[in-house]
N, C-alpha and C. Protein backbone atom coordinates (compact mmCIF):
# COMPACT_ATOMS: atom_id res chain seq x y z
N MET A 1 -29.45 3.48 0.58
CA MET A 1 -28.36 2.64 1.04
C MET A 1 -27.73 1.94 -0.16
N SER A 2 -26.44 1.82 -0.14
CA SER A 2 -25.74 1.22 -1.27
C SER A 2 -25.68 -0.29 -1.12
N THR A 3 -25.61 -0.96 -2.26
CA THR A 3 -25.53 -2.41 -2.25
C THR A 3 -24.08 -2.84 -2.35
N PRO A 4 -23.71 -3.90 -1.65
CA PRO A 4 -22.32 -4.36 -1.76
C PRO A 4 -22.04 -4.92 -3.15
N SER A 5 -20.82 -4.81 -3.55
CA SER A 5 -20.40 -5.30 -4.86
C SER A 5 -20.51 -6.82 -4.90
N PRO A 6 -21.01 -7.41 -6.02
CA PRO A 6 -21.14 -8.87 -6.08
C PRO A 6 -19.79 -9.58 -6.12
N ASN A 7 -18.77 -8.94 -6.61
CA ASN A 7 -17.43 -9.54 -6.66
C ASN A 7 -16.52 -8.82 -5.66
N ARG A 8 -16.99 -8.71 -4.44
CA ARG A 8 -16.31 -7.96 -3.38
C ARG A 8 -14.90 -8.48 -3.10
N ALA A 9 -14.73 -9.79 -3.04
CA ALA A 9 -13.42 -10.38 -2.72
C ALA A 9 -12.38 -10.00 -3.77
N VAL A 10 -12.76 -10.07 -5.03
CA VAL A 10 -11.82 -9.71 -6.10
C VAL A 10 -11.45 -8.23 -6.00
N MET A 11 -12.44 -7.41 -5.72
CA MET A 11 -12.19 -5.96 -5.62
C MET A 11 -11.27 -5.63 -4.45
N VAL A 12 -11.44 -6.31 -3.32
CA VAL A 12 -10.57 -6.06 -2.16
C VAL A 12 -9.13 -6.46 -2.49
N VAL A 13 -8.96 -7.59 -3.13
CA VAL A 13 -7.59 -8.02 -3.49
C VAL A 13 -6.97 -7.04 -4.48
N LEU A 14 -7.73 -6.62 -5.48
CA LEU A 14 -7.20 -5.66 -6.46
C LEU A 14 -6.87 -4.32 -5.81
N ALA A 15 -7.61 -3.96 -4.77
CA ALA A 15 -7.38 -2.67 -4.11
C ALA A 15 -5.99 -2.57 -3.51
N TYR A 16 -5.39 -3.69 -3.18
CA TYR A 16 -4.07 -3.67 -2.55
C TYR A 16 -2.95 -4.16 -3.47
N LEU A 17 -3.21 -4.14 -4.77
CA LEU A 17 -2.17 -4.51 -5.75
C LEU A 17 -1.70 -3.26 -6.49
N TRP A 18 -1.20 -2.31 -5.72
CA TRP A 18 -0.61 -1.08 -6.18
C TRP A 18 -1.51 -0.36 -7.19
N LEU A 19 -1.12 -0.16 -8.41
CA LEU A 19 -1.90 0.63 -9.36
C LEU A 19 -3.17 -0.07 -9.83
N LEU A 20 -3.29 -1.37 -9.59
CA LEU A 20 -4.53 -2.06 -9.92
C LEU A 20 -5.67 -1.62 -9.01
N ALA A 21 -5.37 -0.82 -8.00
CA ALA A 21 -6.42 -0.26 -7.13
C ALA A 21 -7.33 0.67 -7.91
N MET A 22 -6.91 1.11 -9.07
CA MET A 22 -7.76 1.95 -9.91
C MET A 22 -8.98 1.18 -10.41
N VAL A 23 -8.86 -0.13 -10.58
CA VAL A 23 -9.98 -0.94 -11.08
C VAL A 23 -11.17 -0.88 -10.12
N PRO A 24 -11.01 -1.25 -8.83
CA PRO A 24 -12.17 -1.14 -7.94
C PRO A 24 -12.61 0.30 -7.70
N LEU A 25 -11.68 1.22 -7.79
CA LEU A 25 -12.04 2.63 -7.60
C LEU A 25 -13.02 3.08 -8.67
N VAL A 26 -12.85 2.59 -9.89
CA VAL A 26 -13.72 2.97 -11.00
C VAL A 26 -14.92 2.01 -11.12
N ALA A 27 -14.69 0.72 -10.91
CA ALA A 27 -15.73 -0.28 -11.18
C ALA A 27 -16.76 -0.41 -10.06
N ALA A 28 -16.39 -0.16 -8.82
CA ALA A 28 -17.32 -0.38 -7.70
C ALA A 28 -17.67 0.94 -7.03
N LYS A 29 -18.21 1.86 -7.81
CA LYS A 29 -18.52 3.18 -7.27
C LYS A 29 -19.67 3.15 -6.26
N ASP A 30 -20.49 2.11 -6.27
CA ASP A 30 -21.65 2.04 -5.39
C ASP A 30 -21.34 1.46 -4.02
N ASP A 31 -20.18 0.89 -3.84
CA ASP A 31 -19.83 0.24 -2.57
C ASP A 31 -18.81 1.11 -1.83
N PRO A 32 -19.23 1.80 -0.76
CA PRO A 32 -18.29 2.70 -0.06
C PRO A 32 -17.13 1.95 0.61
N GLU A 33 -17.36 0.73 1.01
CA GLU A 33 -16.28 -0.04 1.64
C GLU A 33 -15.18 -0.37 0.62
N ILE A 34 -15.58 -0.79 -0.56
CA ILE A 34 -14.61 -1.08 -1.63
C ILE A 34 -13.90 0.21 -2.03
N GLN A 35 -14.62 1.31 -2.09
CA GLN A 35 -14.01 2.60 -2.41
C GLN A 35 -12.93 2.95 -1.38
N TRP A 36 -13.22 2.72 -0.10
CA TRP A 36 -12.23 3.03 0.94
C TRP A 36 -10.99 2.16 0.75
N HIS A 37 -11.19 0.87 0.50
CA HIS A 37 -10.03 -0.03 0.33
C HIS A 37 -9.22 0.37 -0.91
N ALA A 38 -9.88 0.76 -1.98
CA ALA A 38 -9.16 1.18 -3.19
C ALA A 38 -8.36 2.45 -2.92
N LYS A 39 -8.97 3.41 -2.24
CA LYS A 39 -8.25 4.64 -1.91
C LYS A 39 -7.10 4.36 -0.96
N HIS A 40 -7.33 3.47 0.00
CA HIS A 40 -6.27 3.09 0.94
C HIS A 40 -5.12 2.41 0.20
N GLY A 41 -5.43 1.55 -0.75
CA GLY A 41 -4.39 0.90 -1.55
C GLY A 41 -3.57 1.90 -2.35
N LEU A 42 -4.23 2.91 -2.91
CA LEU A 42 -3.50 3.94 -3.66
C LEU A 42 -2.63 4.79 -2.74
N VAL A 43 -3.15 5.13 -1.57
CA VAL A 43 -2.37 5.90 -0.61
C VAL A 43 -1.15 5.09 -0.15
N LEU A 44 -1.35 3.80 0.09
CA LEU A 44 -0.21 2.94 0.45
C LEU A 44 0.82 2.90 -0.67
N ALA A 45 0.37 2.82 -1.91
CA ALA A 45 1.31 2.78 -3.04
C ALA A 45 2.14 4.05 -3.12
N VAL A 46 1.51 5.19 -2.90
CA VAL A 46 2.25 6.46 -2.93
C VAL A 46 3.24 6.53 -1.77
N ALA A 47 2.80 6.10 -0.58
CA ALA A 47 3.68 6.12 0.59
C ALA A 47 4.87 5.17 0.38
N GLU A 48 4.62 4.03 -0.22
CA GLU A 48 5.70 3.07 -0.48
C GLU A 48 6.69 3.60 -1.50
N ALA A 49 6.18 4.28 -2.52
CA ALA A 49 7.07 4.88 -3.52
C ALA A 49 7.94 5.95 -2.86
N ALA A 50 7.34 6.76 -1.99
CA ALA A 50 8.12 7.79 -1.29
C ALA A 50 9.17 7.14 -0.38
N LEU A 51 8.80 6.04 0.27
CA LEU A 51 9.75 5.33 1.13
C LEU A 51 10.94 4.81 0.32
N PHE A 52 10.66 4.23 -0.85
CA PHE A 52 11.76 3.69 -1.65
C PHE A 52 12.65 4.80 -2.22
N VAL A 53 12.08 5.94 -2.55
CA VAL A 53 12.91 7.05 -3.02
C VAL A 53 13.80 7.54 -1.88
N ALA A 54 13.23 7.67 -0.68
CA ALA A 54 14.02 8.10 0.48
C ALA A 54 15.13 7.09 0.79
N LEU A 55 14.81 5.80 0.73
CA LEU A 55 15.83 4.77 0.97
C LEU A 55 16.92 4.83 -0.09
N TRP A 56 16.52 5.01 -1.34
CA TRP A 56 17.49 5.07 -2.42
C TRP A 56 18.44 6.25 -2.22
N LEU A 57 17.89 7.41 -1.85
CA LEU A 57 18.74 8.58 -1.61
C LEU A 57 19.68 8.36 -0.42
N ALA A 58 19.16 7.75 0.65
CA ALA A 58 19.99 7.49 1.82
C ALA A 58 21.12 6.52 1.48
N VAL A 59 20.81 5.46 0.74
CA VAL A 59 21.85 4.50 0.36
C VAL A 59 22.87 5.16 -0.56
N ALA A 60 22.42 6.01 -1.46
CA ALA A 60 23.34 6.69 -2.37
C ALA A 60 24.29 7.60 -1.60
N VAL A 61 23.78 8.34 -0.64
CA VAL A 61 24.64 9.25 0.14
C VAL A 61 25.63 8.45 0.99
N VAL A 62 25.16 7.39 1.62
CA VAL A 62 26.05 6.59 2.46
C VAL A 62 27.09 5.87 1.58
N SER A 63 26.69 5.46 0.38
CA SER A 63 27.65 4.79 -0.52
C SER A 63 28.77 5.73 -0.95
N LEU A 64 28.46 7.01 -1.08
CA LEU A 64 29.51 7.96 -1.42
C LEU A 64 30.55 8.06 -0.31
N ALA A 65 30.08 7.95 0.93
CA ALA A 65 31.01 8.04 2.06
C ALA A 65 31.78 6.74 2.23
N SER A 66 31.09 5.62 2.15
CA SER A 66 31.73 4.32 2.35
C SER A 66 30.96 3.28 1.55
N PHE A 67 31.64 2.69 0.58
CA PHE A 67 30.96 1.73 -0.30
C PHE A 67 30.44 0.53 0.48
N GLY A 68 31.21 0.04 1.41
CA GLY A 68 30.80 -1.13 2.20
C GLY A 68 29.57 -0.85 3.02
N ALA A 69 29.52 0.32 3.64
CA ALA A 69 28.34 0.68 4.44
C ALA A 69 27.13 0.87 3.54
N GLY A 70 27.35 1.41 2.35
CA GLY A 70 26.26 1.59 1.41
C GLY A 70 25.67 0.27 0.95
N CYS A 71 26.55 -0.71 0.71
CA CYS A 71 26.08 -2.04 0.31
C CYS A 71 25.31 -2.70 1.45
N ALA A 72 25.82 -2.57 2.66
CA ALA A 72 25.12 -3.14 3.81
C ALA A 72 23.78 -2.44 4.01
N MET A 73 23.76 -1.15 3.82
CA MET A 73 22.52 -0.41 3.98
C MET A 73 21.53 -0.75 2.87
N GLY A 74 22.03 -1.20 1.76
CA GLY A 74 21.16 -1.63 0.66
C GLY A 74 20.25 -2.78 1.05
N LEU A 75 20.61 -3.51 2.08
CA LEU A 75 19.76 -4.59 2.57
C LEU A 75 18.44 -4.05 3.14
N LEU A 76 18.40 -2.75 3.42
CA LEU A 76 17.15 -2.15 3.88
C LEU A 76 16.06 -2.26 2.82
N PHE A 77 16.44 -2.29 1.56
CA PHE A 77 15.45 -2.46 0.50
C PHE A 77 14.73 -3.80 0.64
N VAL A 78 15.49 -4.83 0.96
CA VAL A 78 14.90 -6.16 1.13
C VAL A 78 13.95 -6.16 2.32
N VAL A 79 14.40 -5.58 3.42
CA VAL A 79 13.57 -5.52 4.63
C VAL A 79 12.31 -4.70 4.36
N ALA A 80 12.45 -3.58 3.68
CA ALA A 80 11.29 -2.74 3.38
C ALA A 80 10.31 -3.47 2.46
N TRP A 81 10.82 -4.18 1.48
CA TRP A 81 9.96 -4.91 0.56
C TRP A 81 9.18 -6.00 1.29
N ILE A 82 9.83 -6.73 2.18
CA ILE A 82 9.14 -7.77 2.96
C ILE A 82 8.08 -7.15 3.85
N ALA A 83 8.40 -6.02 4.49
CA ALA A 83 7.43 -5.34 5.35
C ALA A 83 6.22 -4.86 4.54
N ILE A 84 6.47 -4.34 3.35
CA ILE A 84 5.38 -3.87 2.50
C ILE A 84 4.48 -5.03 2.08
N LEU A 85 5.07 -6.14 1.71
CA LEU A 85 4.26 -7.30 1.34
C LEU A 85 3.42 -7.80 2.51
N LEU A 86 3.98 -7.78 3.71
CA LEU A 86 3.23 -8.20 4.89
C LEU A 86 2.06 -7.25 5.19
N VAL A 87 2.28 -5.96 5.00
CA VAL A 87 1.20 -4.99 5.21
C VAL A 87 0.08 -5.21 4.20
N HIS A 88 0.45 -5.44 2.94
CA HIS A 88 -0.57 -5.69 1.91
C HIS A 88 -1.32 -6.98 2.19
N PHE A 89 -0.63 -8.01 2.61
CA PHE A 89 -1.26 -9.29 2.92
C PHE A 89 -2.25 -9.11 4.09
N ALA A 90 -1.83 -8.40 5.13
CA ALA A 90 -2.71 -8.17 6.28
C ALA A 90 -3.92 -7.33 5.87
N ALA A 91 -3.71 -6.34 5.00
CA ALA A 91 -4.82 -5.49 4.55
C ALA A 91 -5.83 -6.30 3.74
N VAL A 92 -5.35 -7.20 2.90
CA VAL A 92 -6.26 -8.04 2.12
C VAL A 92 -7.05 -8.96 3.03
N ILE A 93 -6.38 -9.61 3.98
CA ILE A 93 -7.06 -10.52 4.89
C ILE A 93 -8.12 -9.78 5.69
N LYS A 94 -7.77 -8.62 6.24
CA LYS A 94 -8.75 -7.84 7.01
C LYS A 94 -9.89 -7.38 6.11
N GLY A 95 -9.58 -6.95 4.90
CA GLY A 95 -10.61 -6.51 3.97
C GLY A 95 -11.58 -7.62 3.60
N LEU A 96 -11.06 -8.83 3.41
CA LEU A 96 -11.93 -9.96 3.11
C LEU A 96 -12.82 -10.33 4.28
N ASN A 97 -12.38 -10.01 5.49
CA ASN A 97 -13.18 -10.26 6.70
C ASN A 97 -14.11 -9.09 7.04
N GLY A 98 -14.14 -8.08 6.17
CA GLY A 98 -15.02 -6.94 6.40
C GLY A 98 -14.46 -5.90 7.35
N GLU A 99 -13.17 -5.94 7.60
CA GLU A 99 -12.53 -4.99 8.51
C GLU A 99 -11.60 -4.09 7.71
N ARG A 100 -10.99 -3.14 8.42
CA ARG A 100 -10.03 -2.22 7.80
C ARG A 100 -8.71 -2.28 8.57
N LEU A 101 -7.61 -2.32 7.83
CA LEU A 101 -6.29 -2.22 8.44
C LEU A 101 -5.91 -0.75 8.49
N ILE A 102 -5.69 -0.24 9.68
CA ILE A 102 -5.32 1.15 9.85
C ILE A 102 -3.80 1.22 10.02
N VAL A 103 -3.14 1.86 9.06
CA VAL A 103 -1.69 2.04 9.09
C VAL A 103 -1.41 3.44 9.62
N PRO A 104 -0.68 3.57 10.72
CA PRO A 104 -0.42 4.90 11.28
C PRO A 104 0.25 5.82 10.25
N TRP A 105 -0.14 7.07 10.28
CA TRP A 105 0.38 8.15 9.42
C TRP A 105 -0.02 8.00 7.96
N VAL A 106 -0.68 6.92 7.58
CA VAL A 106 -1.01 6.71 6.17
C VAL A 106 -2.52 6.60 5.95
N SER A 107 -3.20 5.81 6.76
CA SER A 107 -4.60 5.49 6.52
C SER A 107 -5.52 6.70 6.58
N GLY A 108 -5.15 7.71 7.33
CA GLY A 108 -5.98 8.91 7.43
C GLY A 108 -6.16 9.61 6.09
N TYR A 109 -5.21 9.47 5.20
CA TYR A 109 -5.29 10.11 3.89
C TYR A 109 -6.28 9.42 2.96
N ALA A 110 -6.66 8.17 3.24
CA ALA A 110 -7.60 7.45 2.38
C ALA A 110 -8.99 8.08 2.44
N THR A 111 -9.35 8.70 3.54
CA THR A 111 -10.67 9.30 3.66
C THR A 111 -10.69 10.75 3.19
N ARG A 112 -9.57 11.31 2.86
CA ARG A 112 -9.50 12.72 2.48
C ARG A 112 -9.86 12.97 1.02
N PHE A 113 -9.78 11.95 0.19
CA PHE A 113 -10.15 12.19 -1.22
C PHE A 113 -11.20 11.20 -1.67
């Protein structure tokens, strides 16, 4: 049986700070729960990057058709950023309480690698 990491709280917080998730992934190899949170944080980072690329392309296409609509649609970046921060905050809180935040269509990939 594996022993929990002595600095578990720090590792959970780092797991959801985008690329800093590599730190618990490498440093806490003996704790499967920390490993899951680190992998989940990396999967979320990749999904968020894909979301922002898709939003950027959509805003660019709409801006070509109508500049005003493109500017208005650019507000989606702000909404997406706030939503992402809320998801990360909820994931950290649940992780500190010993639980897992399951994000539909995303969390399943954390157990695949």
